[in-house]
Amino acid sequence: SDEQKQILKQLVEDGPDPDTDGVVRWRCVDLKRVVRDRFGIDLSEVSLGRVLKQLGFSRISARPQHPMQDPEAIATFKKTSPQWSRRS
C-alpha cells in the first residue's frame, strides 16, 4: 500500500541501525527481510528493487577497496605533474 511504501522510503532514507538491523548499509536482501518482518509481505529482491526505483532510489555501489591498502603507499606512487605543465 502507499502507507507501507512511505514507511519503506523513510526507513531507507534513515539508513540501518547496526545494533538492531545488523548491517551498516541497506542491500535488497536486507530490506527484503525487514519488509517480511514488519509488513508480512514476501517480495523477491527484483520486485523490491522495482518498488525502490518507484520511490526514487537508484542503485549505488561503493568502489571496492582492498582491506590491506596502505594510504602512505598510495600517496608515494600517486602521479603528479610538474608545475610548468599545469599552467594553461
C-alpha atoms as a PDB file:
ATOM      1  CA  SER A   1       0.000   0.000   0.000  1.00  0.00           C
ATOM      2  CA  ASP A   2       1.013   3.639  -0.246  1.00  0.00           C
ATOM      3  CA  GLU A   3       1.395   3.870   3.529  1.00  0.00           C
ATOM      4  CA  GLN A   4       3.794   0.917   3.558  1.00  0.00           C
ATOM      5  CA  LYS A   5       5.776   2.438   0.690  1.00  0.00           C
ATOM      6  CA  GLN A   6       6.179   5.687   2.627  1.00  0.00           C
ATOM      7  CA  ILE A   7       7.354   3.764   5.701  1.00  0.00           C
ATOM      8  CA  LEU A   8       9.853   1.877   3.496  1.00  0.00           C
ATOM      9  CA  LYS A   9      11.041   5.133   1.939  1.00  0.00           C
ATOM     10  CA  GLN A  10      11.640   6.676   5.370  1.00  0.00           C
ATOM     11  CA  LEU A  11      13.414   3.519   6.504  1.00  0.00           C
ATOM     12  CA  VAL A  12      15.797   3.641   3.543  1.00  0.00           C
ATOM     13  CA  GLU A  13      16.447   7.378   3.948  1.00  0.00           C
ATOM     14  CA  ASP A  14      17.211   6.974   7.656  1.00  0.00           C
ATOM     15  CA  GLY A  15      19.587   4.099   6.985  1.00  0.00           C
ATOM     16  CA  PRO A  16      20.093   0.961   9.040  1.00  0.00           C
ATOM     17  CA  ASP A  17      20.996   0.867  12.713  1.00  0.00           C
ATOM     18  CA  PRO A  18      23.955  -1.528  13.036  1.00  0.00           C
ATOM     19  CA  ASP A  19      22.878  -2.590  16.526  1.00  0.00           C
ATOM     20  CA  THR A  20      19.285  -3.532  15.707  1.00  0.00           C
ATOM     21  CA  ASP A  21      19.475  -4.289  11.963  1.00  0.00           C
ATOM     22  CA  GLY A  22      22.902  -5.933  11.959  1.00  0.00           C
ATOM     23  CA  VAL A  23      24.039  -4.148   8.781  1.00  0.00           C
ATOM     24  CA  VAL A  24      25.809  -0.874   8.028  1.00  0.00           C
ATOM     25  CA  ARG A  25      24.159  -0.260   4.663  1.00  0.00           C
ATOM     26  CA  TRP A  26      20.957  -1.495   3.087  1.00  0.00           C
ATOM     27  CA  ARG A  27      21.015  -4.194   0.442  1.00  0.00           C
ATOM     28  CA  CYS A  28      17.876  -5.579  -1.186  1.00  0.00           C
ATOM     29  CA  VAL A  29      18.314  -8.872   0.650  1.00  0.00           C
ATOM     30  CA  ASP A  30      18.372  -6.986   3.975  1.00  0.00           C
ATOM     31  CA  LEU A  31      15.378  -4.833   3.079  1.00  0.00           C
ATOM     32  CA  LYS A  32      13.523  -7.954   1.944  1.00  0.00           C
ATOM     33  CA  ARG A  33      13.904  -9.381   5.464  1.00  0.00           C
ATOM     34  CA  VAL A  34      12.744  -6.112   7.069  1.00  0.00           C
ATOM     35  CA  VAL A  35       9.679  -5.895   4.782  1.00  0.00           C
ATOM     36  CA  ARG A  36       8.785  -9.512   5.594  1.00  0.00           C
ATOM     37  CA  ASP A  37       9.163  -8.935   9.347  1.00  0.00           C
ATOM     38  CA  ARG A  38       7.309  -5.585   9.501  1.00  0.00           C
ATOM     39  CA  PHE A  39       4.600  -5.989   6.894  1.00  0.00           C
ATOM     40  CA  GLY A  40       4.298  -9.757   6.437  1.00  0.00           C
ATOM     41  CA  ILE A  41       4.949  -9.394   2.699  1.00  0.00           C
ATOM     42  CA  ASP A  42       7.432 -11.716   0.984  1.00  0.00           C
ATOM     43  CA  LEU A  43       8.838  -9.875  -2.039  1.00  0.00           C
ATOM     44  CA  SER A  44      11.621 -11.033  -4.308  1.00  0.00           C
ATOM     45  CA  GLU A  45      14.746  -8.885  -4.442  1.00  0.00           C
ATOM     46  CA  VAL A  46      13.862  -7.870  -8.016  1.00  0.00           C
ATOM     47  CA  SER A  47      10.359  -6.759  -7.005  1.00  0.00           C
ATOM     48  CA  LEU A  48      11.754  -4.851  -4.044  1.00  0.00           C
ATOM     49  CA  GLY A  49      14.229  -3.153  -6.370  1.00  0.00           C
ATOM     50  CA  ARG A  50      11.338  -2.065  -8.603  1.00  0.00           C
ATOM     51  CA  VAL A  51       9.475  -0.622  -5.611  1.00  0.00           C
ATOM     52  CA  LEU A  52      12.604   1.261  -4.531  1.00  0.00           C
ATOM     53  CA  LYS A  53      13.014   2.637  -8.054  1.00  0.00           C
ATOM     54  CA  GLN A  54       9.379   3.826  -7.995  1.00  0.00           C
ATOM     55  CA  LEU A  55      10.177   5.612  -4.722  1.00  0.00           C
ATOM     56  CA  GLY A  56      13.027   7.485  -6.424  1.00  0.00           C
ATOM     57  CA  PHE A  57      16.007   5.451  -5.251  1.00  0.00           C
ATOM     58  CA  SER A  58      18.780   4.231  -7.508  1.00  0.00           C
ATOM     59  CA  ARG A  59      21.351   1.508  -7.131  1.00  0.00           C
ATOM     60  CA  ILE A  60      24.663   2.848  -5.878  1.00  0.00           C
ATOM     61  CA  SER A  61      27.667   0.725  -5.044  1.00  0.00           C
ATOM     62  CA  ALA A  62      30.911   1.826  -3.500  1.00  0.00           C
ATOM     63  CA  ARG A  63      34.223   1.382  -5.244  1.00  0.00           C
ATOM     64  CA  PRO A  64      35.931  -1.718  -3.850  1.00  0.00           C
ATOM     65  CA  GLN A  65      38.966  -1.183  -1.668  1.00  0.00           C
ATOM     66  CA  HIS A  66      41.490  -3.775  -0.570  1.00  0.00           C
ATOM     67  CA  PRO A  67      41.399  -4.238   3.251  1.00  0.00           C
ATOM     68  CA  MET A  68      45.210  -4.151   3.497  1.00  0.00           C
ATOM     69  CA  GLN A  69      45.547  -0.996   1.386  1.00  0.00           C
ATOM     70  CA  ASP A  70      48.254   1.392   2.638  1.00  0.00           C
ATOM     71  CA  PRO A  71      47.361   5.120   2.281  1.00  0.00           C
ATOM     72  CA  GLU A  72      51.028   6.138   2.500  1.00  0.00           C
ATOM     73  CA  ALA A  73      51.970   3.853  -0.386  1.00  0.00           C
ATOM     74  CA  ILE A  74      49.183   5.361  -2.479  1.00  0.00           C
ATOM     75  CA  ALA A  75      50.449   8.879  -1.786  1.00  0.00           C
ATOM     76  CA  THR A  76      54.021   7.837  -2.633  1.00  0.00           C
ATOM     77  CA  PHE A  77      53.117   6.386  -6.018  1.00  0.00           C
ATOM     78  CA  LYS A  78      50.479   8.955  -6.951  1.00  0.00           C
ATOM     79  CA  LYS A  79      51.193  10.548 -10.311  1.00  0.00           C
ATOM     80  CA  THR A  80      51.846  14.262 -10.154  1.00  0.00           C
ATOM     81  CA  SER A  81      52.558  16.647 -12.981  1.00  0.00           C
ATOM     82  CA  PRO A  82      55.348  19.216 -12.846  1.00  0.00           C
ATOM     83  CA  GLN A  83      54.304  22.822 -12.147  1.00  0.00           C
ATOM     84  CA  TRP A  84      55.099  24.014 -15.685  1.00  0.00           C
ATOM     85  CA  SER A  85      52.665  21.551 -17.249  1.00  0.00           C
ATOM     86  CA  ARG A  86      49.743  22.629 -15.025  1.00  0.00           C
ATOM     87  CA  ARG A  87      49.626  26.126 -16.488  1.00  0.00           C
ATOM     88  CA  SER A  88      47.249  26.720 -19.385  1.00  0.00           C
END
